[in-house]
N, C-alpha and C. Protein backbone atom coordinates (compact mmCIF):
# COMPACT_ATOMS: atom_id res chain seq x y z
N PRO A 1 7.41 -6.07 12.37
CA PRO A 1 7.70 -5.88 13.61
C PRO A 1 9.20 -6.92 14.48
N TRP A 2 9.88 -7.57 13.33
CA TRP A 2 10.60 -8.17 13.47
C TRP A 2 12.31 -7.90 13.52
N THR A 3 12.52 -6.81 14.66
CA THR A 3 13.51 -6.22 14.51
C THR A 3 14.27 -6.11 15.95
N ASP A 4 13.81 -6.35 16.92
CA ASP A 4 14.29 -6.31 18.56
C ASP A 4 14.63 -7.29 18.59
N VAL A 5 15.91 -8.18 18.27
CA VAL A 5 15.90 -9.37 18.67
C VAL A 5 16.83 -9.76 20.12
N GLU A 6 15.93 -10.58 20.64
CA GLU A 6 16.41 -10.61 22.36
C GLU A 6 17.59 -11.70 22.29
N ILE A 7 17.11 -12.84 21.59
CA ILE A 7 17.65 -14.38 21.56
C ILE A 7 17.55 -14.85 20.23
N ASN A 8 18.69 -15.32 19.72
CA ASN A 8 18.38 -16.23 18.68
C ASN A 8 19.24 -17.63 18.61
N THR A 9 18.31 -18.48 18.23
CA THR A 9 18.46 -20.03 18.72
C THR A 9 18.59 -20.76 17.22
N ARG A 10 19.11 -21.81 17.67
CA ARG A 10 19.12 -22.60 16.24
C ARG A 10 17.45 -22.66 15.78
N ASP A 11 16.60 -22.95 17.02
CA ASP A 11 14.76 -23.37 16.57
C ASP A 11 14.28 -22.01 16.36
N PHE A 12 14.53 -21.08 17.15
CA PHE A 12 13.54 -20.16 17.72
C PHE A 12 14.35 -18.95 17.12
N VAL A 13 13.41 -17.45 17.69
CA VAL A 13 13.94 -15.90 17.55
C VAL A 13 13.02 -15.34 18.67
N VAL A 14 13.42 -14.80 19.50
CA VAL A 14 13.05 -14.07 20.60
C VAL A 14 12.95 -12.64 20.51
N TYR A 15 12.06 -11.91 20.32
CA TYR A 15 11.90 -10.20 20.34
C TYR A 15 10.98 -9.78 21.15
N ARG A 16 11.56 -8.39 21.57
CA ARG A 16 10.69 -8.06 22.47
C ARG A 16 9.21 -7.03 21.38
N ASP A 17 8.22 -7.55 22.02
CA ASP A 17 7.15 -7.21 21.54
C ASP A 17 7.18 -5.49 21.01
N LYS A 18 6.26 -5.27 19.75
CA LYS A 18 6.72 -3.78 19.40
C LYS A 18 5.67 -2.94 20.05
N PHE A 19 4.40 -3.84 20.57
CA PHE A 19 3.13 -2.85 21.33
C PHE A 19 3.19 -3.89 22.45
N PRO A 20 3.59 -3.72 23.28
CA PRO A 20 4.17 -4.66 24.69
C PRO A 20 2.62 -4.54 25.33
N VAL A 21 1.78 -5.51 25.97
CA VAL A 21 0.77 -5.48 26.50
C VAL A 21 1.97 -5.06 28.53
N THR A 22 2.62 -5.55 28.61
CA THR A 22 3.11 -5.97 29.92
C THR A 22 4.82 -5.25 29.88
N GLU A 23 4.96 -4.67 30.45
CA GLU A 23 7.05 -4.68 30.56
C GLU A 23 7.48 -6.00 30.28
N GLY A 24 8.39 -6.22 29.53
CA GLY A 24 8.92 -7.01 29.12
C GLY A 24 8.12 -8.50 28.30
N HIS A 25 7.39 -7.82 27.30
CA HIS A 25 6.13 -8.52 26.56
C HIS A 25 7.34 -9.22 25.82
N LEU A 26 7.20 -10.61 25.44
CA LEU A 26 8.10 -11.14 24.54
C LEU A 26 7.22 -11.78 23.69
N LEU A 27 8.02 -11.91 22.02
CA LEU A 27 7.16 -12.88 21.24
C LEU A 27 8.40 -14.09 20.89
N ILE A 28 8.03 -15.25 20.59
CA ILE A 28 8.92 -16.14 20.54
C ILE A 28 8.53 -16.79 19.34
N VAL A 29 9.51 -16.84 17.83
CA VAL A 29 9.02 -17.23 16.76
C VAL A 29 9.47 -18.52 16.11
N PRO A 30 9.01 -19.35 16.15
CA PRO A 30 9.80 -20.45 15.54
C PRO A 30 10.57 -20.28 14.01
N LYS A 31 11.52 -20.97 13.61
CA LYS A 31 12.22 -20.67 12.53
C LYS A 31 11.73 -21.34 11.06
N VAL A 32 11.02 -22.97 11.72
CA VAL A 32 10.00 -23.51 10.96
C VAL A 32 8.62 -23.52 11.29
N ASN A 33 7.96 -23.25 10.60
CA ASN A 33 6.45 -23.37 10.78
C ASN A 33 5.84 -24.49 10.72
N ASN A 34 6.27 -25.04 12.02
CA ASN A 34 5.29 -26.63 12.13
C ASN A 34 5.25 -26.61 13.46
N GLN A 35 4.54 -28.02 13.88
CA GLN A 35 3.86 -27.78 15.39
C GLN A 35 5.08 -28.12 16.17
N GLU A 36 5.82 -29.01 16.04
CA GLU A 36 7.50 -29.58 16.79
C GLU A 36 7.83 -28.31 16.93
N GLU A 37 8.22 -27.36 16.34
CA GLU A 37 8.76 -26.06 16.52
C GLU A 37 8.21 -24.91 17.34
N LEU A 38 6.75 -25.23 16.95
CA LEU A 38 6.06 -24.30 17.54
C LEU A 38 6.02 -24.49 19.16
N LEU A 39 6.08 -25.59 19.55
CA LEU A 39 6.30 -26.50 20.89
C LEU A 39 7.24 -26.02 21.66
N LYS A 40 8.64 -26.05 20.83
CA LYS A 40 9.60 -25.49 21.54
C LYS A 40 9.67 -24.35 21.95
N CYS A 41 9.06 -23.38 21.24
CA CYS A 41 8.49 -22.03 21.87
C CYS A 41 7.76 -22.12 22.99
N PHE A 42 6.77 -22.67 23.07
CA PHE A 42 5.88 -22.53 24.11
C PHE A 42 6.59 -23.05 25.37
N LYS A 43 7.41 -24.21 25.62
CA LYS A 43 8.49 -24.74 26.26
C LYS A 43 9.41 -23.64 27.10
N PHE A 44 9.81 -23.07 25.99
CA PHE A 44 11.02 -22.07 26.17
C PHE A 44 9.66 -20.57 27.33
N ALA A 45 8.99 -20.42 26.83
CA ALA A 45 7.92 -19.58 27.33
C ALA A 45 7.95 -19.66 28.84
N THR A 46 7.20 -21.24 28.88
CA THR A 46 7.08 -21.44 29.90
C THR A 46 8.57 -21.69 31.19
N SER A 47 9.63 -21.97 30.39
CA SER A 47 10.70 -21.85 31.47
C SER A 47 11.07 -20.48 31.94
N VAL A 48 10.97 -19.73 30.74
CA VAL A 48 11.19 -18.18 30.69
C VAL A 48 10.68 -17.89 32.10
N GLY A 49 8.89 -17.72 31.90
CA GLY A 49 8.01 -17.08 32.60
C GLY A 49 8.31 -17.77 33.89
N SER A 50 8.31 -19.05 34.01
CA SER A 50 8.41 -19.65 35.60
C SER A 50 9.94 -18.91 35.77
N ASP A 51 11.14 -18.88 35.24
CA ASP A 51 12.08 -18.13 35.85
C ASP A 51 12.10 -17.03 36.74
N ASN A 52 10.92 -16.26 35.93
CA ASN A 52 11.14 -14.80 36.74
C ASN A 52 10.25 -14.62 37.35
N VAL A 53 9.45 -15.09 37.73
CA VAL A 53 8.65 -15.65 38.92
C VAL A 53 9.33 -15.61 40.28
N GLU A 54 10.06 -17.10 39.82
CA GLU A 54 11.22 -17.42 40.68
C GLU A 54 12.02 -16.32 40.79
N ALA A 55 12.45 -15.46 40.04
CA ALA A 55 13.44 -14.44 40.80
C ALA A 55 12.73 -13.37 41.53
N SER A 56 14.24 -12.76 41.82
CA SER A 56 13.68 -11.64 42.61
C SER A 56 13.61 -10.38 41.96
N ASN A 57 12.63 -10.59 41.35
CA ASN A 57 12.41 -9.21 40.68
C ASN A 57 10.70 -8.99 40.79
N ASN A 58 10.14 -8.11 40.01
CA ASN A 58 8.90 -7.84 40.48
C ASN A 58 7.27 -8.83 39.59
N VAL A 59 8.04 -9.64 38.99
CA VAL A 59 7.27 -10.09 38.00
C VAL A 59 6.54 -11.89 39.16
N THR A 60 5.05 -11.36 39.05
CA THR A 60 4.42 -12.50 40.30
C THR A 60 4.04 -13.85 39.09
N GLY A 61 3.86 -13.42 38.08
CA GLY A 61 2.66 -14.45 37.26
C GLY A 61 3.30 -14.06 35.20
N PHE A 62 2.83 -14.89 34.74
CA PHE A 62 2.42 -14.69 33.33
C PHE A 62 1.51 -15.44 32.59
N ASN A 63 1.19 -15.14 31.53
CA ASN A 63 0.47 -15.69 30.58
C ASN A 63 0.90 -15.87 29.19
N ILE A 64 0.62 -17.10 28.42
CA ILE A 64 1.49 -17.37 27.14
C ILE A 64 0.04 -17.64 26.60
N GLY A 65 0.34 -16.76 24.66
CA GLY A 65 -0.54 -17.06 24.15
C GLY A 65 -0.01 -17.07 22.45
N LEU A 66 -1.15 -17.57 21.81
CA LEU A 66 -1.25 -17.84 20.65
C LEU A 66 -2.43 -17.35 19.51
N ASN A 67 -2.00 -16.53 19.16
CA ASN A 67 -3.25 -16.07 18.50
C ASN A 67 -3.55 -17.13 16.60
N ILE A 68 -4.50 -17.46 16.53
CA ILE A 68 -4.50 -18.22 15.01
C ILE A 68 -5.63 -17.38 14.35
N GLY A 69 -5.56 -17.38 13.28
CA GLY A 69 -6.97 -16.64 12.55
C GLY A 69 -7.19 -15.33 13.28
N THR A 70 -8.01 -14.58 11.71
CA THR A 70 -8.43 -12.92 12.25
C THR A 70 -8.86 -13.07 13.09
N SER A 71 -9.96 -14.02 13.40
CA SER A 71 -10.94 -13.96 14.37
C SER A 71 -10.44 -14.35 15.40
N ALA A 72 -9.15 -14.22 15.71
CA ALA A 72 -8.55 -14.54 17.06
C ALA A 72 -7.66 -13.52 17.35
N GLY A 73 -7.96 -12.55 16.40
CA GLY A 73 -7.04 -11.52 16.89
C GLY A 73 -5.29 -11.55 16.04
N GLN A 74 -5.38 -12.65 15.35
CA GLN A 74 -3.77 -12.63 14.46
C GLN A 74 -3.64 -11.49 13.60
N THR A 75 -2.68 -11.02 13.64
CA THR A 75 -2.39 -9.76 12.62
C THR A 75 -1.26 -9.80 12.05
N CYS A 76 0.08 -10.66 12.56
CA CYS A 76 1.04 -11.11 11.77
C CYS A 76 0.74 -12.66 11.25
N MET A 77 0.82 -12.85 9.85
CA MET A 77 0.20 -14.23 10.01
C MET A 77 1.16 -15.46 9.82
N TYR A 78 2.31 -15.35 11.27
CA TYR A 78 2.83 -16.36 11.04
C TYR A 78 3.09 -16.69 12.23
N PRO A 79 3.02 -17.89 12.75
CA PRO A 79 2.89 -18.30 14.29
C PRO A 79 4.16 -17.70 14.93
N HIS A 80 3.65 -17.50 16.21
CA HIS A 80 4.46 -16.85 17.12
C HIS A 80 3.81 -16.78 18.65
N VAL A 81 4.36 -17.26 19.60
CA VAL A 81 3.94 -17.50 20.83
C VAL A 81 4.43 -16.20 21.68
N HIS A 82 3.34 -15.31 22.37
CA HIS A 82 3.13 -14.55 23.16
C HIS A 82 4.00 -14.73 24.69
N LEU A 83 4.85 -14.11 25.35
CA LEU A 83 4.97 -14.05 26.82
C LEU A 83 4.81 -12.93 27.38
N ILE A 84 3.68 -12.99 28.13
CA ILE A 84 3.36 -11.51 28.80
C ILE A 84 3.23 -11.63 30.50
N PHE A 85 4.77 -10.90 30.71
CA PHE A 85 5.07 -10.91 32.52
C PHE A 85 3.75 -10.05 33.48
N ARG A 86 3.68 -10.65 34.19
CA ARG A 86 2.41 -10.29 34.98
C ARG A 86 3.31 -9.77 36.46
N ARG A 87 2.12 -8.98 37.10
CA ARG A 87 2.53 -8.68 38.05
C ARG A 87 1.93 -8.00 39.18
N ASP A 88 1.30 -8.16 40.52
CA ASP A 88 0.22 -8.17 41.22
C ASP A 88 -0.10 -6.49 40.80
N GLY A 89 -1.27 -6.53 40.82
CA GLY A 89 -1.93 -5.04 40.17
C GLY A 89 -2.04 -4.17 39.44
N ASP A 90 -1.60 -5.26 38.33
CA ASP A 90 -1.06 -4.74 36.76
C ASP A 90 -2.33 -4.79 35.82
N THR A 91 -3.83 -5.21 36.93
CA THR A 91 -4.92 -5.26 36.08
C THR A 91 -5.66 -5.18 37.63
N PRO A 92 -6.91 -4.37 37.27
CA PRO A 92 -7.65 -4.42 38.88
C PRO A 92 -8.27 -5.57 39.18
N ASP A 93 -8.58 -6.38 38.27
CA ASP A 93 -9.28 -8.15 38.26
C ASP A 93 -8.66 -9.13 37.41
N PRO A 94 -7.44 -9.72 37.84
CA PRO A 94 -7.26 -10.71 36.86
C PRO A 94 -8.03 -11.77 36.37
N VAL A 95 -8.78 -12.14 37.53
CA VAL A 95 -9.38 -13.10 36.99
C VAL A 95 -10.00 -13.74 35.60
N GLY A 96 -9.95 -14.93 35.63
CA GLY A 96 -10.07 -15.30 34.34
C GLY A 96 -9.05 -15.31 33.25
N GLY A 97 -8.01 -14.73 33.40
CA GLY A 97 -6.92 -14.71 32.64
C GLY A 97 -7.27 -14.94 31.24
N VAL A 98 -6.53 -15.62 30.15
CA VAL A 98 -6.62 -15.73 29.04
C VAL A 98 -8.15 -15.37 28.63
N ARG A 99 -8.90 -15.80 29.40
CA ARG A 99 -10.43 -15.76 28.56
C ARG A 99 -10.82 -14.30 28.49
N ASN A 100 -10.08 -13.49 29.43
CA ASN A 100 -10.56 -11.62 29.02
C ASN A 100 -10.26 -11.62 27.68
N VAL A 101 -9.85 -12.28 26.63
CA VAL A 101 -9.63 -12.07 25.03
C VAL A 101 -11.10 -11.90 24.51
N ILE A 102 -12.31 -12.77 24.75
CA ILE A 102 -13.61 -12.21 24.82
C ILE A 102 -14.18 -11.23 25.76
N PRO A 103 -14.33 -9.57 25.91
CA PRO A 103 -14.75 -9.04 26.62
C PRO A 103 -16.18 -9.62 27.71
N GLY A 104 -15.75 -9.42 28.93
CA GLY A 104 -17.15 -9.98 29.75
C GLY A 104 -16.94 -11.50 29.85
N LYS A 105 -15.95 -11.99 29.40
CA LYS A 105 -16.18 -13.60 29.42
C LYS A 105 -14.77 -14.13 30.63
N GLY A 106 -14.17 -13.39 30.75
CA GLY A 106 -13.27 -13.38 31.99
C GLY A 106 -13.67 -13.85 33.39
N ASN A 107 -14.22 -13.19 33.69
CA ASN A 107 -14.60 -13.51 35.31
C ASN A 107 -15.87 -14.44 35.67
N TYR A 108 -15.89 -15.39 35.28
CA TYR A 108 -16.58 -16.89 35.67
C TYR A 108 -16.94 -17.03 36.98
N GLN A 109 -16.52 -16.42 37.90
CA GLN A 109 -17.00 -16.57 39.44
C GLN A 109 -18.09 -15.51 39.48
N LYS A 110 -17.94 -14.52 38.56
CA LYS A 110 -19.53 -13.61 39.05
C LYS A 110 -20.83 -13.85 38.95
């Protein structure tokens, strides 16, 4: 899946997700598999997500995620951070955000 390179830095590579959840879905992959390098990926994802929300485009929010282990849905067994851009109306009810990884657990307000 690691073929559509967007950015290549000293610490990580950014790819377009092969199976995007939303338009612009990115994967930030550390070049070295350790916690310090993974934190750099999270910092980058947060910065890019925030920049897009502040820009004059249709991105109104974002989710950042990491899947570790097959029980968490990990299919590529090397750590990588997902940056998923969100737009108003992209789902009927976004309440719960990342809690929606477990069906029926997202909306804790009901």
